[in-house]
Amino acid sequence: MYFEGIATGAAVFLIIGICHPIVIKLEYHIGRIGWVIWLLSGLVFAALSVFAATGLLSTVLGAAAFSCFWGILEMFQQEQRVLKGWFPENPRRHAYYERKRSLMPKK
C-alpha cells in the first residue's frame, strides 16, 4: 500500500492551516508589505522542491511554495477585511487605515 497521498494531504492541510494565521499576524504588525515575505518564502520553497531528495518531500515543498504564493493575495485581501472592520487594526497604524478608508468608495 502507498501512504504518500495521505501524507501529502495531511501536510497540505497543515501548511494551509498554518499560513492563514501568519497572514493575519503579518498584516497586523507590518501591513500589506508582508507580501514580499510571502514571495521570498515561496521562491525558497520552490527551489527546495526542485532539489528535494524524494518525491514526497518535493510535493510537500511545492505545496508550501504555492501556499506562500497564495499568501500574497491573502495579504491584500486581509487589509480589505481590516478596513471593513472584520479584523482588528493595529492602533499604531490607525492613520494609515483612516487614509485608506477615506479613499474607499462610499456606499
PDB file of N, CA and C in Angstrom:
ATOM      1  N   MET A   1       0.845  -1.185   0.000  1.00  0.00           N
ATOM      2  CA  MET A   1       0.000   0.000   0.000  1.00  0.00           C
ATOM      3  C   MET A   1       0.886   1.242   0.000  1.00  0.00           C
ATOM      4  N   TYR A   2       0.332   2.313  -0.554  1.00  0.00           N
ATOM      5  CA  TYR A   2       1.057   3.572  -0.635  1.00  0.00           C
ATOM      6  C   TYR A   2       0.368   4.607   0.251  1.00  0.00           C
ATOM      7  N   PHE A   3       1.140   5.242   1.088  1.00  0.00           N
ATOM      8  CA  PHE A   3       0.599   6.229   2.010  1.00  0.00           C
ATOM      9  C   PHE A   3       1.041   7.654   1.661  1.00  0.00           C
ATOM     10  N   GLU A   4       1.729   7.804   0.527  1.00  0.00           N
ATOM     11  CA  GLU A   4       2.212   9.130   0.150  1.00  0.00           C
ATOM     12  C   GLU A   4       1.070  10.120  -0.077  1.00  0.00           C
ATOM     13  N   GLY A   5      -0.031   9.655  -0.634  1.00  0.00           N
ATOM     14  CA  GLY A   5      -1.177  10.543  -0.870  1.00  0.00           C
ATOM     15  C   GLY A   5      -1.766  11.068   0.421  1.00  0.00           C
ATOM     16  N   ILE A   6      -1.909  10.180   1.407  1.00  0.00           N
ATOM     17  CA  ILE A   6      -2.432  10.595   2.711  1.00  0.00           C
ATOM     18  C   ILE A   6      -1.454  11.550   3.390  1.00  0.00           C
ATOM     19  N   ALA A   7      -0.161  11.231   3.316  1.00  0.00           N
ATOM     20  CA  ALA A   7       0.853  12.091   3.930  1.00  0.00           C
ATOM     21  C   ALA A   7       0.872  13.466   3.263  1.00  0.00           C
ATOM     22  N   THR A   8       0.767  13.492   1.940  1.00  0.00           N
ATOM     23  CA  THR A   8       0.736  14.766   1.216  1.00  0.00           C
ATOM     24  C   THR A   8      -0.497  15.574   1.606  1.00  0.00           C
ATOM     25  N   GLY A   9      -1.638  14.919   1.643  1.00  0.00           N
ATOM     26  CA  GLY A   9      -2.875  15.609   2.027  1.00  0.00           C
ATOM     27  C   GLY A   9      -2.787  16.192   3.428  1.00  0.00           C
ATOM     28  N   ALA A  10      -2.250  15.431   4.354  1.00  0.00           N
ATOM     29  CA  ALA A  10      -2.114  15.921   5.737  1.00  0.00           C
ATOM     30  C   ALA A  10      -1.151  17.096   5.799  1.00  0.00           C
ATOM     31  N   ALA A  11      -0.044  16.996   5.055  1.00  0.00           N
ATOM     32  CA  ALA A  11       0.934  18.083   5.055  1.00  0.00           C
ATOM     33  C   ALA A  11       0.342  19.363   4.467  1.00  0.00           C
ATOM     34  N   VAL A  12      -0.387  19.229   3.363  1.00  0.00           N
ATOM     35  CA  VAL A  12      -1.005  20.409   2.733  1.00  0.00           C
ATOM     36  C   VAL A  12      -2.045  21.021   3.672  1.00  0.00           C
ATOM     37  N   PHE A  13      -2.809  20.186   4.327  1.00  0.00           N
ATOM     38  CA  PHE A  13      -3.804  20.671   5.291  1.00  0.00           C
ATOM     39  C   PHE A  13      -3.116  21.483   6.398  1.00  0.00           C
ATOM     40  N   LEU A  14      -2.013  20.977   6.925  1.00  0.00           N
ATOM     41  CA  LEU A  14      -1.282  21.686   7.978  1.00  0.00           C
ATOM     42  C   LEU A  14      -0.659  22.979   7.455  1.00  0.00           C
ATOM     43  N   ILE A  15      -0.107  22.932   6.256  1.00  0.00           N
ATOM     44  CA  ILE A  15       0.515  24.128   5.676  1.00  0.00           C
ATOM     45  C   ILE A  15      -0.517  25.237   5.512  1.00  0.00           C
ATOM     46  N   ILE A  16      -1.667  24.916   4.968  1.00  0.00           N
ATOM     47  CA  ILE A  16      -2.722  25.917   4.786  1.00  0.00           C
ATOM     48  C   ILE A  16      -3.202  26.423   6.138  1.00  0.00           C
ATOM     49  N   GLY A  17      -3.358  25.513   7.086  1.00  0.00           N
ATOM     50  CA  GLY A  17      -3.797  25.909   8.423  1.00  0.00           C
ATOM     51  C   GLY A  17      -2.814  26.811   9.130  1.00  0.00           C
ATOM     52  N   ILE A  18      -1.535  26.652   8.855  1.00  0.00           N
ATOM     53  CA  ILE A  18      -0.505  27.497   9.465  1.00  0.00           C
ATOM     54  C   ILE A  18      -0.416  28.842   8.754  1.00  0.00           C
ATOM     55  N   CYS A  19      -0.593  28.843   7.437  1.00  0.00           N
ATOM     56  CA  CYS A  19      -0.416  30.085   6.660  1.00  0.00           C
ATOM     57  C   CYS A  19      -1.469  31.140   6.980  1.00  0.00           C
ATOM     58  N   HIS A  20      -2.707  30.742   7.203  1.00  0.00           N
ATOM     59  CA  HIS A  20      -3.758  31.740   7.426  1.00  0.00           C
ATOM     60  C   HIS A  20      -3.498  32.619   8.654  1.00  0.00           C
ATOM     61  N   PRO A  21      -3.172  32.059   9.812  1.00  0.00           N
ATOM     62  CA  PRO A  21      -2.881  32.938  10.952  1.00  0.00           C
ATOM     63  C   PRO A  21      -1.633  33.797  10.738  1.00  0.00           C
ATOM     64  N   ILE A  22      -0.676  33.283   9.963  1.00  0.00           N
ATOM     65  CA  ILE A  22       0.518  34.088   9.684  1.00  0.00           C
ATOM     66  C   ILE A  22       0.152  35.308   8.849  1.00  0.00           C
ATOM     67  N   VAL A  23      -0.743  35.134   7.879  1.00  0.00           N
ATOM     68  CA  VAL A  23      -1.208  36.275   7.069  1.00  0.00           C
ATOM     69  C   VAL A  23      -1.816  37.338   7.984  1.00  0.00           C
ATOM     70  N   ILE A  24      -2.664  36.918   8.899  1.00  0.00           N
ATOM     71  CA  ILE A  24      -3.337  37.853   9.803  1.00  0.00           C
ATOM     72  C   ILE A  24      -2.317  38.598  10.656  1.00  0.00           C
ATOM     73  N   LYS A  25      -1.359  37.873  11.226  1.00  0.00           N
ATOM     74  CA  LYS A  25      -0.343  38.496  12.087  1.00  0.00           C
ATOM     75  C   LYS A  25       0.558  39.427  11.300  1.00  0.00           C
ATOM     76  N   LEU A  26       0.977  39.002  10.101  1.00  0.00           N
ATOM     77  CA  LEU A  26       1.844  39.863   9.293  1.00  0.00           C
ATOM     78  C   LEU A  26       1.135  41.158   8.925  1.00  0.00           C
ATOM     79  N   GLU A  27      -0.114  41.065   8.502  1.00  0.00           N
ATOM     80  CA  GLU A  27      -0.834  42.286   8.129  1.00  0.00           C
ATOM     81  C   GLU A  27      -0.984  43.191   9.339  1.00  0.00           C
ATOM     82  N   TYR A  28      -1.262  42.620  10.486  1.00  0.00           N
ATOM     83  CA  TYR A  28      -1.455  43.413  11.701  1.00  0.00           C
ATOM     84  C   TYR A  28      -0.163  44.149  12.065  1.00  0.00           C
ATOM     85  N   HIS A  29       0.962  43.452  12.018  1.00  0.00           N
ATOM     86  CA  HIS A  29       2.206  44.031  12.509  1.00  0.00           C
ATOM     87  C   HIS A  29       2.971  44.871  11.488  1.00  0.00           C
ATOM     88  N   ILE A  30       2.994  44.437  10.228  1.00  0.00           N
ATOM     89  CA  ILE A  30       3.793  45.196   9.263  1.00  0.00           C
ATOM     90  C   ILE A  30       2.996  45.678   8.061  1.00  0.00           C
ATOM     91  N   GLY A  31       1.739  45.297   7.956  1.00  0.00           N
ATOM     92  CA  GLY A  31       0.913  45.761   6.851  1.00  0.00           C
ATOM     93  C   GLY A  31       1.057  44.882   5.624  1.00  0.00           C
ATOM     94  N   ARG A  32       0.478  45.348   4.543  1.00  0.00           N
ATOM     95  CA  ARG A  32       0.440  44.522   3.336  1.00  0.00           C
ATOM     96  C   ARG A  32       1.803  44.361   2.682  1.00  0.00           C
ATOM     97  N   ILE A  33       2.802  45.124   3.118  1.00  0.00           N
ATOM     98  CA  ILE A  33       4.154  44.956   2.587  1.00  0.00           C
ATOM     99  C   ILE A  33       4.677  43.550   2.887  1.00  0.00           C
ATOM    100  N   GLY A  34       3.993  42.856   3.778  1.00  0.00           N
ATOM    101  CA  GLY A  34       4.338  41.474   4.082  1.00  0.00           C
ATOM    102  C   GLY A  34       4.259  40.554   2.877  1.00  0.00           C
ATOM    103  N   TRP A  35       3.658  41.015   1.792  1.00  0.00           N
ATOM    104  CA  TRP A  35       3.576  40.186   0.589  1.00  0.00           C
ATOM    105  C   TRP A  35       4.967  39.820   0.094  1.00  0.00           C
ATOM    106  N   VAL A  36       5.936  40.679   0.355  1.00  0.00           N
ATOM    107  CA  VAL A  36       7.313  40.410  -0.077  1.00  0.00           C
ATOM    108  C   VAL A  36       7.857  39.178   0.651  1.00  0.00           C
ATOM    109  N   ILE A  37       7.525  39.041   1.928  1.00  0.00           N
ATOM    110  CA  ILE A  37       7.952  37.878   2.702  1.00  0.00           C
ATOM    111  C   ILE A  37       7.353  36.613   2.109  1.00  0.00           C
ATOM    112  N   TRP A  38       6.071  36.686   1.728  1.00  0.00           N
ATOM    113  CA  TRP A  38       5.427  35.521   1.114  1.00  0.00           C
ATOM    114  C   TRP A  38       6.088  35.168  -0.212  1.00  0.00           C
ATOM    115  N   LEU A  39       6.425  36.175  -1.001  1.00  0.00           N
ATOM    116  CA  LEU A  39       7.065  35.924  -2.291  1.00  0.00           C
ATOM    117  C   LEU A  39       8.417  35.243  -2.097  1.00  0.00           C
ATOM    118  N   LEU A  40       9.246  35.803  -1.228  1.00  0.00           N
ATOM    119  CA  LEU A  40      10.568  35.229  -0.997  1.00  0.00           C
ATOM    120  C   LEU A  40      10.470  33.815  -0.429  1.00  0.00           C
ATOM    121  N   SER A  41       9.550  33.609   0.496  1.00  0.00           N
ATOM    122  CA  SER A  41       9.357  32.272   1.072  1.00  0.00           C
ATOM    123  C   SER A  41       8.918  31.284  -0.003  1.00  0.00           C
ATOM    124  N   GLY A  42       8.005  31.711  -0.850  1.00  0.00           N
ATOM    125  CA  GLY A  42       7.539  30.845  -1.926  1.00  0.00           C
ATOM    126  C   GLY A  42       8.659  30.469  -2.885  1.00  0.00           C
ATOM    127  N   LEU A  43       9.510  31.432  -3.208  1.00  0.00           N
ATOM    128  CA  LEU A  43      10.631  31.145  -4.102  1.00  0.00           C
ATOM    129  C   LEU A  43      11.622  30.175  -3.462  1.00  0.00           C
ATOM    130  N   VAL A  44      11.867  30.340  -2.169  1.00  0.00           N
ATOM    131  CA  VAL A  44      12.772  29.423  -1.459  1.00  0.00           C
ATOM    132  C   VAL A  44      12.183  28.009  -1.442  1.00  0.00           C
ATOM    133  N   PHE A  45      10.909  27.894  -1.084  1.00  0.00           N
ATOM    134  CA  PHE A  45      10.277  26.573  -1.060  1.00  0.00           C
ATOM    135  C   PHE A  45      10.264  25.936  -2.454  1.00  0.00           C
ATOM    136  N   ALA A  46      10.037  26.737  -3.496  1.00  0.00           N
ATOM    137  CA  ALA A  46      10.025  26.204  -4.854  1.00  0.00           C
ATOM    138  C   ALA A  46      11.410  25.686  -5.237  1.00  0.00           C
ATOM    139  N   ALA A  47      12.432  26.435  -4.895  1.00  0.00           N
ATOM    140  CA  ALA A  47      13.798  25.988  -5.190  1.00  0.00           C
ATOM    141  C   ALA A  47      14.127  24.710  -4.422  1.00  0.00           C
ATOM    142  N   LEU A  48      13.747  24.663  -3.146  1.00  0.00           N
ATOM    143  CA  LEU A  48      13.989  23.456  -2.360  1.00  0.00           C
ATOM    144  C   LEU A  48      13.237  22.264  -2.939  1.00  0.00           C
ATOM    145  N   SER A  49      12.047  22.515  -3.462  1.00  0.00           N
ATOM    146  CA  SER A  49      11.247  21.449  -4.049  1.00  0.00           C
ATOM    147  C   SER A  49      11.943  20.827  -5.254  1.00  0.00           C
ATOM    148  N   VAL A  50      12.578  21.646  -6.044  1.00  0.00           N
ATOM    149  CA  VAL A  50      13.262  21.158  -7.245  1.00  0.00           C
ATOM    150  C   VAL A  50      14.429  20.228  -6.874  1.00  0.00           C
ATOM    151  N   PHE A  51      15.081  20.532  -5.756  1.00  0.00           N
ATOM    152  CA  PHE A  51      16.264  19.765  -5.380  1.00  0.00           C
ATOM    153  C   PHE A  51      15.995  18.747  -4.265  1.00  0.00           C
ATOM    154  N   ALA A  52      14.751  18.505  -3.931  1.00  0.00           N
ATOM    155  CA  ALA A  52      14.416  17.564  -2.857  1.00  0.00           C
ATOM    156  C   ALA A  52      14.829  16.141  -3.230  1.00  0.00           C
ATOM    157  N   ALA A  53      15.156  15.364  -2.206  1.00  0.00           N
ATOM    158  CA  ALA A  53      15.664  14.006  -2.416  1.00  0.00           C
ATOM    159  C   ALA A  53      14.568  12.999  -2.758  1.00  0.00           C
ATOM    160  N   THR A  54      13.338  13.254  -2.307  1.00  0.00           N
ATOM    161  CA  THR A  54      12.257  12.291  -2.552  1.00  0.00           C
ATOM    162  C   THR A  54      11.063  12.988  -3.191  1.00  0.00           C
ATOM    163  N   GLY A  55      10.223  12.187  -3.801  1.00  0.00           N
ATOM    164  CA  GLY A  55       9.016  12.728  -4.428  1.00  0.00           C
ATOM    165  C   GLY A  55       8.058  13.319  -3.415  1.00  0.00           C
ATOM    166  N   LEU A  56       7.911  12.657  -2.276  1.00  0.00           N
ATOM    167  CA  LEU A  56       7.007  13.155  -1.240  1.00  0.00           C
ATOM    168  C   LEU A  56       7.480  14.505  -0.710  1.00  0.00           C
ATOM    169  N   LEU A  57       8.765  14.618  -0.413  1.00  0.00           N
ATOM    170  CA  LEU A  57       9.306  15.881   0.085  1.00  0.00           C
ATOM    171  C   LEU A  57       9.175  16.982  -0.961  1.00  0.00           C
ATOM    172  N   SER A  58       9.444  16.645  -2.209  1.00  0.00           N
ATOM    173  CA  SER A  58       9.308  17.615  -3.292  1.00  0.00           C
ATOM    174  C   SER A  58       7.873  18.108  -3.406  1.00  0.00           C
ATOM    175  N   THR A  59       6.918  17.195  -3.288  1.00  0.00           N
ATOM    176  CA  THR A  59       5.499  17.554  -3.375  1.00  0.00           C
ATOM    177  C   THR A  59       5.094  18.467  -2.223  1.00  0.00           C
ATOM    178  N   VAL A  60       5.515  18.134  -1.022  1.00  0.00           N
ATOM    179  CA  VAL A  60       5.158  18.939   0.149  1.00  0.00           C
ATOM    180  C   VAL A  60       5.804  20.328   0.054  1.00  0.00           C
ATOM    181  N   LEU A  61       7.055  20.386  -0.357  1.00  0.00           N
ATOM    182  CA  LEU A  61       7.715  21.690  -0.512  1.00  0.00           C
ATOM    183  C   LEU A  61       7.061  22.512  -1.630  1.00  0.00           C
ATOM    184  N   GLY A  62       6.645  21.857  -2.702  1.00  0.00           N
ATOM    185  CA  GLY A  62       5.930  22.558  -3.770  1.00  0.00           C
ATOM    186  C   GLY A  62       4.602  23.104  -3.280  1.00  0.00           C
ATOM    187  N   ALA A  63       3.908  22.316  -2.470  1.00  0.00           N
ATOM    188  CA  ALA A  63       2.642  22.789  -1.893  1.00  0.00           C
ATOM    189  C   ALA A  63       2.890  23.976  -0.977  1.00  0.00           C
ATOM    190  N   ALA A  64       3.967  23.930  -0.214  1.00  0.00           N
ATOM    191  CA  ALA A  64       4.315  25.059   0.654  1.00  0.00           C
ATOM    192  C   ALA A  64       4.624  26.299  -0.188  1.00  0.00           C
ATOM    193  N   ALA A  65       5.327  26.100  -1.300  1.00  0.00           N
ATOM    194  CA  ALA A  65       5.651  27.226  -2.182  1.00  0.00           C
ATOM    195  C   ALA A  65       4.387  27.903  -2.691  1.00  0.00           C
ATOM    196  N   PHE A  66       3.456  27.116  -3.184  1.00  0.00           N
ATOM    197  CA  PHE A  66       2.258  27.722  -3.754  1.00  0.00           C
ATOM    198  C   PHE A  66       1.292  28.228  -2.683  1.00  0.00           C
ATOM    199  N   SER A  67       1.386  27.697  -1.489  1.00  0.00           N
ATOM    200  CA  SER A  67       0.628  28.277  -0.379  1.00  0.00           C
ATOM    201  C   SER A  67       1.180  29.657  -0.038  1.00  0.00           C
ATOM    202  N   CYS A  68       2.493  29.799  -0.122  1.00  0.00           N
ATOM    203  CA  CYS A  68       3.101  31.116   0.097  1.00  0.00           C
ATOM    204  C   CYS A  68       2.691  32.090  -1.001  1.00  0.00           C
ATOM    205  N   PHE A  69       2.675  31.612  -2.244  1.00  0.00           N
ATOM    206  CA  PHE A  69       2.243  32.490  -3.337  1.00  0.00           C
ATOM    207  C   PHE A  69       0.785  32.911  -3.145  1.00  0.00           C
ATOM    208  N   TRP A  70      -0.037  32.027  -2.644  1.00  0.00           N
ATOM    209  CA  TRP A  70      -1.430  32.359  -2.345  1.00  0.00           C
ATOM    210  C   TRP A  70      -1.482  33.382  -1.211  1.00  0.00           C
ATOM    211  N   GLY A  71      -0.525  33.302  -0.290  1.00  0.00           N
ATOM    212  CA  GLY A  71      -0.445  34.249   0.817  1.00  0.00           C
ATOM    213  C   GLY A  71      -0.284  35.687   0.341  1.00  0.00           C
ATOM    214  N   ILE A  72       0.322  35.871  -0.828  1.00  0.00           N
ATOM    215  CA  ILE A  72       0.459  37.218  -1.391  1.00  0.00           C
ATOM    216  C   ILE A  72      -0.922  37.825  -1.608  1.00  0.00           C
ATOM    217  N   LEU A  73      -1.793  37.084  -2.265  1.00  0.00           N
ATOM    218  CA  LEU A  73      -3.163  37.554  -2.490  1.00  0.00           C
ATOM    219  C   LEU A  73      -3.871  37.789  -1.160  1.00  0.00           C
ATOM    220  N   GLU A  74      -3.685  36.867  -0.236  1.00  0.00           N
ATOM    221  CA  GLU A  74      -4.360  36.983   1.060  1.00  0.00           C
ATOM    222  C   GLU A  74      -3.919  38.221   1.832  1.00  0.00           C
ATOM    223  N   MET A  75      -2.675  38.659   1.672  1.00  0.00           N
ATOM    224  CA  MET A  75      -2.223  39.876   2.365  1.00  0.00           C
ATOM    225  C   MET A  75      -3.068  41.078   1.940  1.00  0.00           C
ATOM    226  N   PHE A  76      -3.314  41.211   0.655  1.00  0.00           N
ATOM    227  CA  PHE A  76      -4.103  42.330   0.159  1.00  0.00           C
ATOM    228  C   PHE A  76      -5.571  42.189   0.573  1.00  0.00           C
ATOM    229  N   GLN A  77      -6.069  40.958   0.554  1.00  0.00           N
ATOM    230  CA  GLN A  77      -7.446  40.750   0.977  1.00  0.00           C
ATOM    231  C   GLN A  77      -7.600  40.958   2.486  1.00  0.00           C
ATOM    232  N   GLN A  78      -6.584  40.608   3.254  1.00  0.00           N
ATOM    233  CA  GLN A  78      -6.648  40.813   4.703  1.00  0.00           C
ATOM    234  C   GLN A  78      -6.713  42.301   5.019  1.00  0.00           C
ATOM    235  N   GLU A  79      -5.965  43.108   4.286  1.00  0.00           N
ATOM    236  CA  GLU A  79      -6.048  44.551   4.509  1.00  0.00           C
ATOM    237  C   GLU A  79      -7.475  45.046   4.271  1.00  0.00           C
ATOM    238  N   GLN A  80      -8.131  44.530   3.238  1.00  0.00           N
ATOM    239  CA  GLN A  80      -9.512  44.926   2.962  1.00  0.00           C
ATOM    240  C   GLN A  80     -10.444  44.482   4.084  1.00  0.00           C
ATOM    241  N   ARG A  81     -10.207  43.292   4.636  1.00  0.00           N
ATOM    242  CA  ARG A  81     -11.029  42.808   5.745  1.00  0.00           C
ATOM    243  C   ARG A  81     -10.853  43.696   6.974  1.00  0.00           C
ATOM    244  N   VAL A  82      -9.627  44.168   7.206  1.00  0.00           N
ATOM    245  CA  VAL A  82      -9.376  45.077   8.336  1.00  0.00           C
ATOM    246  C   VAL A  82     -10.089  46.402   8.090  1.00  0.00           C
ATOM    247  N   LEU A  83     -10.005  46.911   6.873  1.00  0.00           N
ATOM    248  CA  LEU A  83     -10.661  48.186   6.555  1.00  0.00           C
ATOM    249  C   LEU A  83     -12.170  48.110   6.733  1.00  0.00           C
ATOM    250  N   LYS A  84     -12.748  46.939   6.481  1.00  0.00           N
ATOM    251  CA  LYS A  84     -14.187  46.749   6.660  1.00  0.00           C
ATOM    252  C   LYS A  84     -14.566  46.527   8.116  1.00  0.00           C
ATOM    253  N   GLY A  85     -13.568  46.354   8.976  1.00  0.00           N
ATOM    254  CA  GLY A  85     -13.842  46.148  10.386  1.00  0.00           C
ATOM    255  C   GLY A  85     -14.047  44.693  10.775  1.00  0.00           C
ATOM    256  N   TRP A  86     -13.736  43.786   9.881  1.00  0.00           N
ATOM    257  CA  TRP A  86     -13.911  42.362  10.181  1.00  0.00           C
ATOM    258  C   TRP A  86     -12.793  41.817  11.053  1.00  0.00           C
ATOM    259  N   PHE A  87     -11.631  42.472  11.017  1.00  0.00           N
ATOM    260  CA  PHE A  87     -10.481  42.094  11.834  1.00  0.00           C
ATOM    261  C   PHE A  87      -9.961  43.348  12.526  1.00  0.00           C
ATOM    262  N   PRO A  88      -9.313  43.204  13.680  1.00  0.00           N
ATOM    263  CA  PRO A  88      -8.815  44.392  14.383  1.00  0.00           C
ATOM    264  C   PRO A  88      -7.651  45.035  13.639  1.00  0.00           C
ATOM    265  N   GLU A  89      -7.602  46.355  13.729  1.00  0.00           N
ATOM    266  CA  GLU A  89      -6.487  47.070  13.127  1.00  0.00           C
ATOM    267  C   GLU A  89      -5.430  47.339  14.188  1.00  0.00           C
ATOM    268  N   ASN A  90      -4.223  47.493  13.744  1.00  0.00           N
ATOM    269  CA  ASN A  90      -3.121  47.839  14.628  1.00  0.00           C
ATOM    270  C   ASN A  90      -3.268  49.319  14.988  1.00  0.00           C
ATOM    271  N   PRO A  91      -3.417  49.653  16.274  1.00  0.00           N
ATOM    272  CA  PRO A  91      -3.612  51.059  16.651  1.00  0.00           C
ATOM    273  C   PRO A  91      -2.457  51.960  16.221  1.00  0.00           C
ATOM    274  N   ARG A  92      -1.265  51.414  16.120  1.00  0.00           N
ATOM    275  CA  ARG A  92      -0.115  52.227  15.692  1.00  0.00           C
ATOM    276  C   ARG A  92      -0.210  52.610  14.217  1.00  0.00           C
ATOM    277  N   ARG A  93      -1.055  51.941  13.468  1.00  0.00           N
ATOM    278  CA  ARG A  93      -1.215  52.232  12.051  1.00  0.00           C
ATOM    279  C   ARG A  93      -2.594  52.801  11.751  1.00  0.00           C
ATOM    280  N   HIS A  94      -3.238  53.384  12.760  1.00  0.00           N
ATOM    281  CA  HIS A  94      -4.604  53.895  12.610  1.00  0.00           C
ATOM    282  C   HIS A  94      -4.686  54.958  11.513  1.00  0.00           C
ATOM    283  N   ALA A  95      -3.714  55.873  11.456  1.00  0.00           N
ATOM    284  CA  ALA A  95      -3.741  56.934  10.446  1.00  0.00           C
ATOM    285  C   ALA A  95      -3.694  56.336   9.032  1.00  0.00           C
ATOM    286  N   TYR A  96      -2.921  55.295   8.859  1.00  0.00           N
ATOM    287  CA  TYR A  96      -2.844  54.634   7.559  1.00  0.00           C
ATOM    288  C   TYR A  96      -4.208  54.075   7.163  1.00  0.00           C
ATOM    289  N   TYR A  97      -4.844  53.365   8.100  1.00  0.00           N
ATOM    290  CA  TYR A  97      -6.153  52.778   7.803  1.00  0.00           C
ATOM    291  C   TYR A  97      -7.193  53.866   7.527  1.00  0.00           C
ATOM    292  N   GLU A  98      -7.160  54.939   8.273  1.00  0.00           N
ATOM    293  CA  GLU A  98      -8.114  56.030   8.041  1.00  0.00           C
ATOM    294  C   GLU A  98      -7.914  56.648   6.662  1.00  0.00           C
ATOM    295  N   ARG A  99      -6.657  56.812   6.264  1.00  0.00           N
ATOM    296  CA  ARG A  99      -6.375  57.353   4.935  1.00  0.00           C
ATOM    297  C   ARG A  99      -6.911  56.407   3.856  1.00  0.00           C
ATOM    298  N   LYS A 100      -6.723  55.100   4.044  1.00  0.00           N
ATOM    299  CA  LYS A 100      -7.242  54.123   3.086  1.00  0.00           C
ATOM    300  C   LYS A 100      -8.770  54.133   3.066  1.00  0.00           C
ATOM    301  N   ARG A 101      -9.393  54.260   4.241  1.00  0.00           N
ATOM    302  CA  ARG A 101     -10.863  54.294   4.305  1.00  0.00           C
ATOM    303  C   ARG A 101     -11.418  55.521   3.589  1.00  0.00           C
ATOM    304  N   SER A 102     -10.704  56.634   3.691  1.00  0.00           N
ATOM    305  CA  SER A 102     -11.187  57.848   3.031  1.00  0.00           C
ATOM    306  C   SER A 102     -11.148  57.729   1.506  1.00  0.00           C
ATOM    307  N   LEU A 103     -10.325  56.835   1.007  1.00  0.00           N
ATOM    308  CA  LEU A 103     -10.228  56.628  -0.438  1.00  0.00           C
ATOM    309  C   LEU A 103     -11.190  55.567  -0.956  1.00  0.00           C
ATOM    310  N   MET A 104     -11.811  54.844  -0.031  1.00  0.00           N
ATOM    311  CA  MET A 104     -12.757  53.789  -0.428  1.00  0.00           C
ATOM    312  C   MET A 104     -14.051  54.423  -0.939  1.00  0.00           C
ATOM    313  N   PRO A 105     -14.658  53.814  -1.968  1.00  0.00           N
ATOM    314  CA  PRO A 105     -15.922  54.353  -2.468  1.00  0.00           C
ATOM    315  C   PRO A 105     -17.023  54.258  -1.398  1.00  0.00           C
ATOM    316  N   LYS A 106     -17.810  55.287  -1.305  1.00  0.00           N
ATOM    317  CA  LYS A 106     -18.915  55.329  -0.336  1.00  0.00           C
ATOM    318  C   LYS A 106     -20.088  54.538  -0.865  1.00  0.00           C
ATOM    319  N   LYS A 107     -20.775  53.834   0.018  1.00  0.00           N
ATOM    320  CA  LYS A 107     -21.952  53.062  -0.401  1.00  0.00           C
ATOM    321  C   LYS A 107     -23.204  53.739   0.060  1.00  0.00           C
TER     322      LYS A 107
END
